[in-house]
Amino acid sequence: MMDGRYNSFTRYAVQISSTGDNTVLSAPGAGREYELGFLQVQNASSTDTTALVKFGSTTVLPVVMPSKGDGEQLPMDDDMAALTGNNNALVVNLSGANAVWVTVWYRNVPALG
């Protein structure tokens, strides 16, 4: 799975902790979208937290994290690319002001649609 194509992905990790929408990757620009090669959302607090992963304003993945260390990891492969859609930011909405790590491998590509 880890072939040469993953060398072209930018790797980024950030800890977010604000209730509501947190922009992880800003909108890439008109006619562009993000291709995600890997996405991980992990609770860094001891508080029950729900995260909603969004492409722009559209929720694509709810992640329920009852305790520290819980989360979701989504490695992608050639048959399953996650594309954010034309000029959509990658956003994670938190149910509370609790620390959550978001790790993403991405590249900015021309939008398909």
N, C-alpha and C. Protein backbone atom coordinates (compact mmCIF):
# COMPACT_ATOMS: atom_id res chain seq x y z
N MET A 1 0.81 -1.20 0.00
CA MET A 1 0.00 0.00 0.00
C MET A 1 0.85 1.27 0.00
N MET A 2 1.95 1.28 0.67
CA MET A 2 2.76 2.50 0.76
C MET A 2 3.72 2.58 -0.43
N ASP A 3 3.18 2.82 -1.59
CA ASP A 3 4.00 2.93 -2.78
C ASP A 3 4.51 4.37 -2.95
N GLY A 4 5.18 4.63 -4.05
CA GLY A 4 5.79 5.93 -4.29
C GLY A 4 4.84 7.10 -4.35
N ARG A 5 3.57 6.86 -4.65
CA ARG A 5 2.64 7.98 -4.78
C ARG A 5 2.47 8.72 -3.46
N TYR A 6 2.68 8.05 -2.33
CA TYR A 6 2.52 8.71 -1.04
C TYR A 6 3.64 9.71 -0.75
N ASN A 7 4.73 9.64 -1.50
CA ASN A 7 5.80 10.61 -1.33
C ASN A 7 5.36 12.01 -1.73
N SER A 8 4.32 12.12 -2.56
CA SER A 8 3.86 13.43 -3.03
C SER A 8 2.83 14.07 -2.09
N PHE A 9 2.49 13.40 -1.00
CA PHE A 9 1.52 13.95 -0.05
C PHE A 9 2.22 14.80 1.00
N THR A 10 1.60 15.91 1.36
CA THR A 10 2.05 16.73 2.48
C THR A 10 1.46 16.13 3.75
N ARG A 11 2.28 15.99 4.77
CA ARG A 11 1.82 15.44 6.04
C ARG A 11 1.64 16.58 7.04
N TYR A 12 0.50 16.59 7.72
CA TYR A 12 0.18 17.70 8.63
C TYR A 12 -0.56 17.15 9.84
N ALA A 13 -0.15 17.59 11.02
CA ALA A 13 -0.84 17.23 12.27
C ALA A 13 -1.08 18.49 13.07
N VAL A 14 -2.26 18.57 13.68
CA VAL A 14 -2.61 19.74 14.47
C VAL A 14 -3.51 19.29 15.62
N GLN A 15 -3.35 19.93 16.77
CA GLN A 15 -4.26 19.69 17.87
C GLN A 15 -5.27 20.83 17.91
N ILE A 16 -6.55 20.47 17.86
CA ILE A 16 -7.63 21.46 17.91
C ILE A 16 -8.37 21.30 19.23
N SER A 17 -9.05 22.37 19.67
CA SER A 17 -9.75 22.26 20.96
C SER A 17 -10.90 23.24 21.11
N SER A 18 -11.36 23.81 20.03
CA SER A 18 -12.48 24.76 20.11
C SER A 18 -13.80 24.07 19.79
N THR A 19 -14.82 24.37 20.58
CA THR A 19 -16.16 23.86 20.29
C THR A 19 -16.61 24.38 18.93
N GLY A 20 -17.27 23.53 18.14
CA GLY A 20 -17.75 23.95 16.83
C GLY A 20 -16.73 23.66 15.75
N ASP A 21 -16.84 24.39 14.64
CA ASP A 21 -15.99 24.15 13.47
C ASP A 21 -14.56 24.62 13.69
N ASN A 22 -13.61 23.74 13.35
CA ASN A 22 -12.18 24.03 13.36
C ASN A 22 -11.65 23.74 11.97
N THR A 23 -11.11 24.74 11.29
CA THR A 23 -10.57 24.54 9.94
C THR A 23 -9.20 23.90 10.05
N VAL A 24 -9.06 22.72 9.49
CA VAL A 24 -7.79 22.00 9.50
C VAL A 24 -6.98 22.37 8.26
N LEU A 25 -7.62 22.37 7.10
CA LEU A 25 -7.01 22.82 5.85
C LEU A 25 -7.94 23.86 5.22
N SER A 26 -7.44 25.05 4.98
CA SER A 26 -8.24 26.10 4.35
C SER A 26 -8.64 25.70 2.94
N ALA A 27 -9.69 26.30 2.43
CA ALA A 27 -10.14 26.02 1.06
C ALA A 27 -8.97 26.19 0.09
N PRO A 28 -8.78 25.23 -0.83
CA PRO A 28 -7.61 25.24 -1.70
C PRO A 28 -7.66 26.21 -2.87
N GLY A 29 -8.81 26.82 -3.13
CA GLY A 29 -8.94 27.76 -4.24
C GLY A 29 -9.88 27.21 -5.31
N ALA A 30 -10.44 28.10 -6.09
CA ALA A 30 -11.40 27.72 -7.13
C ALA A 30 -10.76 26.73 -8.10
N GLY A 31 -11.51 25.69 -8.45
CA GLY A 31 -11.01 24.69 -9.39
C GLY A 31 -10.04 23.70 -8.78
N ARG A 32 -9.87 23.74 -7.45
CA ARG A 32 -8.93 22.85 -6.75
C ARG A 32 -9.68 22.09 -5.66
N GLU A 33 -9.14 20.95 -5.26
CA GLU A 33 -9.67 20.19 -4.14
C GLU A 33 -8.51 19.43 -3.48
N TYR A 34 -8.76 18.92 -2.28
CA TYR A 34 -7.75 18.12 -1.61
C TYR A 34 -8.03 16.64 -1.85
N GLU A 35 -6.97 15.91 -2.15
CA GLU A 35 -7.02 14.45 -2.16
C GLU A 35 -6.38 14.00 -0.85
N LEU A 36 -7.11 13.22 -0.07
CA LEU A 36 -6.60 12.77 1.22
C LEU A 36 -6.05 11.36 1.09
N GLY A 37 -4.80 11.18 1.51
CA GLY A 37 -4.17 9.86 1.49
C GLY A 37 -4.27 9.16 2.83
N PHE A 38 -4.53 9.95 3.89
CA PHE A 38 -4.63 9.40 5.25
C PHE A 38 -5.32 10.43 6.12
N LEU A 39 -6.17 9.97 7.01
CA LEU A 39 -6.85 10.87 7.94
C LEU A 39 -7.00 10.16 9.28
N GLN A 40 -6.61 10.84 10.36
CA GLN A 40 -6.79 10.30 11.70
C GLN A 40 -7.32 11.39 12.61
N VAL A 41 -8.33 11.05 13.41
CA VAL A 41 -8.89 11.94 14.42
C VAL A 41 -8.81 11.17 15.74
N GLN A 42 -8.15 11.78 16.77
CA GLN A 42 -7.94 11.06 18.02
C GLN A 42 -8.14 11.97 19.22
N ASN A 43 -8.92 11.50 20.18
CA ASN A 43 -9.19 12.25 21.40
C ASN A 43 -7.91 12.33 22.25
N ALA A 44 -7.49 13.55 22.57
CA ALA A 44 -6.31 13.76 23.42
C ALA A 44 -6.72 14.15 24.83
N SER A 45 -8.01 14.20 25.09
CA SER A 45 -8.51 14.56 26.42
C SER A 45 -9.17 13.35 27.06
N SER A 46 -9.52 13.48 28.32
CA SER A 46 -10.21 12.39 29.01
C SER A 46 -11.73 12.60 29.00
N THR A 47 -12.19 13.54 28.19
CA THR A 47 -13.61 13.88 28.12
C THR A 47 -14.25 13.29 26.86
N ASP A 48 -15.42 12.72 27.02
CA ASP A 48 -16.20 12.19 25.90
C ASP A 48 -16.40 13.30 24.86
N THR A 49 -15.96 13.05 23.62
CA THR A 49 -16.02 14.07 22.57
C THR A 49 -16.50 13.43 21.27
N THR A 50 -17.35 14.15 20.56
CA THR A 50 -17.75 13.74 19.21
C THR A 50 -17.17 14.74 18.22
N ALA A 51 -16.56 14.21 17.16
CA ALA A 51 -16.02 15.06 16.09
C ALA A 51 -16.78 14.75 14.81
N LEU A 52 -17.11 15.79 14.08
CA LEU A 52 -17.73 15.64 12.76
C LEU A 52 -16.72 16.11 11.72
N VAL A 53 -16.21 15.20 10.91
CA VAL A 53 -15.30 15.56 9.83
C VAL A 53 -16.15 16.06 8.67
N LYS A 54 -15.79 17.24 8.15
CA LYS A 54 -16.57 17.86 7.09
C LYS A 54 -15.69 18.23 5.90
N PHE A 55 -16.26 18.13 4.72
CA PHE A 55 -15.68 18.70 3.52
C PHE A 55 -16.52 19.94 3.25
N GLY A 56 -15.98 21.12 3.54
CA GLY A 56 -16.77 22.34 3.49
C GLY A 56 -17.78 22.28 4.61
N SER A 57 -19.07 22.40 4.28
CA SER A 57 -20.12 22.35 5.29
C SER A 57 -20.81 20.99 5.36
N THR A 58 -20.35 20.03 4.55
CA THR A 58 -20.98 18.71 4.49
C THR A 58 -20.27 17.71 5.40
N THR A 59 -21.00 17.15 6.36
CA THR A 59 -20.43 16.14 7.25
C THR A 59 -20.24 14.84 6.47
N VAL A 60 -19.02 14.30 6.52
CA VAL A 60 -18.72 13.05 5.81
C VAL A 60 -18.38 11.91 6.76
N LEU A 61 -18.04 12.24 8.02
CA LEU A 61 -17.67 11.19 8.96
C LEU A 61 -17.87 11.65 10.39
N PRO A 62 -18.80 11.04 11.13
CA PRO A 62 -18.90 11.32 12.56
C PRO A 62 -17.96 10.38 13.32
N VAL A 63 -17.25 10.91 14.31
CA VAL A 63 -16.32 10.11 15.11
C VAL A 63 -16.67 10.30 16.58
N VAL A 64 -17.12 9.22 17.22
CA VAL A 64 -17.46 9.25 18.64
C VAL A 64 -16.25 8.76 19.43
N MET A 65 -15.78 9.60 20.37
CA MET A 65 -14.57 9.28 21.13
C MET A 65 -14.86 9.39 22.63
N PRO A 66 -15.31 8.29 23.27
CA PRO A 66 -15.70 8.36 24.68
C PRO A 66 -14.54 8.61 25.64
N SER A 67 -13.33 8.25 25.28
CA SER A 67 -12.23 8.44 26.22
C SER A 67 -10.92 8.72 25.49
N LYS A 68 -9.91 9.09 26.26
CA LYS A 68 -8.60 9.45 25.71
C LYS A 68 -8.04 8.30 24.87
N GLY A 69 -7.53 8.65 23.70
CA GLY A 69 -6.95 7.67 22.80
C GLY A 69 -7.93 7.11 21.78
N ASP A 70 -9.23 7.29 22.02
CA ASP A 70 -10.22 6.81 21.05
C ASP A 70 -10.19 7.69 19.80
N GLY A 71 -10.61 7.11 18.69
CA GLY A 71 -10.68 7.89 17.46
C GLY A 71 -10.90 7.01 16.26
N GLU A 72 -10.55 7.54 15.11
CA GLU A 72 -10.76 6.85 13.84
C GLU A 72 -9.55 7.12 12.96
N GLN A 73 -9.11 6.08 12.25
CA GLN A 73 -7.98 6.20 11.33
C GLN A 73 -8.42 5.65 9.98
N LEU A 74 -8.22 6.45 8.94
CA LEU A 74 -8.66 6.07 7.60
C LEU A 74 -7.51 6.15 6.60
N PRO A 75 -6.75 5.07 6.44
CA PRO A 75 -5.76 5.07 5.37
C PRO A 75 -6.48 4.87 4.04
N MET A 76 -6.08 5.61 3.05
CA MET A 76 -6.69 5.50 1.73
C MET A 76 -5.76 4.67 0.84
N ASP A 77 -6.28 4.20 -0.27
CA ASP A 77 -5.44 3.53 -1.25
C ASP A 77 -5.87 3.96 -2.65
N ASP A 78 -5.25 3.38 -3.66
CA ASP A 78 -5.54 3.80 -5.04
C ASP A 78 -7.01 3.62 -5.42
N ASP A 79 -7.69 2.68 -4.79
CA ASP A 79 -9.08 2.40 -5.12
C ASP A 79 -10.07 3.24 -4.31
N MET A 80 -9.57 3.97 -3.32
CA MET A 80 -10.48 4.72 -2.45
C MET A 80 -9.87 6.07 -2.11
N ALA A 81 -9.92 7.00 -3.03
CA ALA A 81 -9.44 8.35 -2.77
C ALA A 81 -10.55 9.15 -2.12
N ALA A 82 -10.19 9.94 -1.13
CA ALA A 82 -11.15 10.86 -0.52
C ALA A 82 -10.87 12.24 -1.08
N LEU A 83 -11.82 12.78 -1.80
CA LEU A 83 -11.68 14.10 -2.40
C LEU A 83 -12.65 15.05 -1.70
N THR A 84 -12.16 16.22 -1.33
CA THR A 84 -12.98 17.16 -0.56
C THR A 84 -14.00 17.91 -1.41
N GLY A 85 -13.83 17.92 -2.71
CA GLY A 85 -14.74 18.66 -3.58
C GLY A 85 -14.20 20.05 -3.87
N ASN A 86 -14.68 20.63 -4.94
CA ASN A 86 -14.19 21.92 -5.44
C ASN A 86 -14.16 23.00 -4.36
N ASN A 87 -12.97 23.47 -4.05
CA ASN A 87 -12.72 24.59 -3.14
C ASN A 87 -13.30 24.39 -1.73
N ASN A 88 -13.36 23.14 -1.27
CA ASN A 88 -13.86 22.85 0.08
C ASN A 88 -12.71 22.71 1.07
N ALA A 89 -12.85 23.37 2.20
CA ALA A 89 -11.91 23.22 3.30
C ALA A 89 -12.13 21.87 3.98
N LEU A 90 -11.11 21.38 4.70
CA LEU A 90 -11.26 20.24 5.59
C LEU A 90 -11.52 20.80 6.98
N VAL A 91 -12.68 20.47 7.53
CA VAL A 91 -13.14 21.04 8.80
C VAL A 91 -13.45 19.91 9.76
N VAL A 92 -13.12 20.10 11.04
CA VAL A 92 -13.52 19.16 12.08
C VAL A 92 -14.30 19.94 13.14
N ASN A 93 -15.55 19.52 13.34
CA ASN A 93 -16.43 20.16 14.32
C ASN A 93 -16.39 19.34 15.61
N LEU A 94 -16.11 20.01 16.73
CA LEU A 94 -16.04 19.33 18.03
C LEU A 94 -17.27 19.64 18.87
N SER A 95 -17.73 18.63 19.60
CA SER A 95 -18.91 18.78 20.47
C SER A 95 -18.59 19.57 21.74
N GLY A 96 -17.33 19.69 22.08
CA GLY A 96 -16.92 20.44 23.26
C GLY A 96 -15.50 20.94 23.11
N ALA A 97 -15.08 21.82 24.01
CA ALA A 97 -13.74 22.41 23.95
C ALA A 97 -12.73 21.43 24.55
N ASN A 98 -12.51 20.33 23.85
CA ASN A 98 -11.62 19.27 24.30
C ASN A 98 -10.52 19.05 23.27
N ALA A 99 -9.33 18.69 23.73
CA ALA A 99 -8.18 18.51 22.83
C ALA A 99 -8.36 17.27 21.96
N VAL A 100 -8.19 17.47 20.65
CA VAL A 100 -8.30 16.39 19.67
C VAL A 100 -7.17 16.56 18.65
N TRP A 101 -6.45 15.48 18.37
CA TRP A 101 -5.43 15.49 17.33
C TRP A 101 -6.05 15.13 15.99
N VAL A 102 -5.68 15.89 14.96
CA VAL A 102 -6.07 15.57 13.58
C VAL A 102 -4.78 15.44 12.77
N THR A 103 -4.61 14.30 12.13
CA THR A 103 -3.45 14.07 11.27
C THR A 103 -3.98 13.78 9.87
N VAL A 104 -3.41 14.44 8.89
CA VAL A 104 -3.88 14.26 7.51
C VAL A 104 -2.68 14.27 6.56
N TRP A 105 -2.73 13.38 5.58
CA TRP A 105 -1.81 13.42 4.45
C TRP A 105 -2.65 13.89 3.28
N TYR A 106 -2.22 14.93 2.60
CA TYR A 106 -3.06 15.52 1.56
C TYR A 106 -2.22 16.06 0.42
N ARG A 107 -2.89 16.29 -0.69
CA ARG A 107 -2.29 17.07 -1.77
C ARG A 107 -3.39 17.88 -2.44
N ASN A 108 -3.01 19.04 -2.94
CA ASN A 108 -3.91 19.97 -3.60
C ASN A 108 -3.90 19.62 -5.09
N VAL A 109 -5.06 19.20 -5.61
CA VAL A 109 -5.14 18.72 -6.99
C VAL A 109 -6.26 19.46 -7.74
N PRO A 110 -6.25 19.42 -9.08
CA PRO A 110 -7.36 20.01 -9.82
C PRO A 110 -8.67 19.29 -9.48
N ALA A 111 -9.74 20.05 -9.30
CA ALA A 111 -11.04 19.46 -8.97
C ALA A 111 -11.56 18.65 -10.15
N LEU A 112 -12.16 17.52 -9.85
CA LEU A 112 -12.68 16.65 -10.90
C LEU A 112 -14.03 17.09 -11.43
N GLY A 113 -14.82 17.77 -10.58
CA GLY A 113 -16.19 18.10 -10.96
C GLY A 113 -16.38 19.44 -11.50
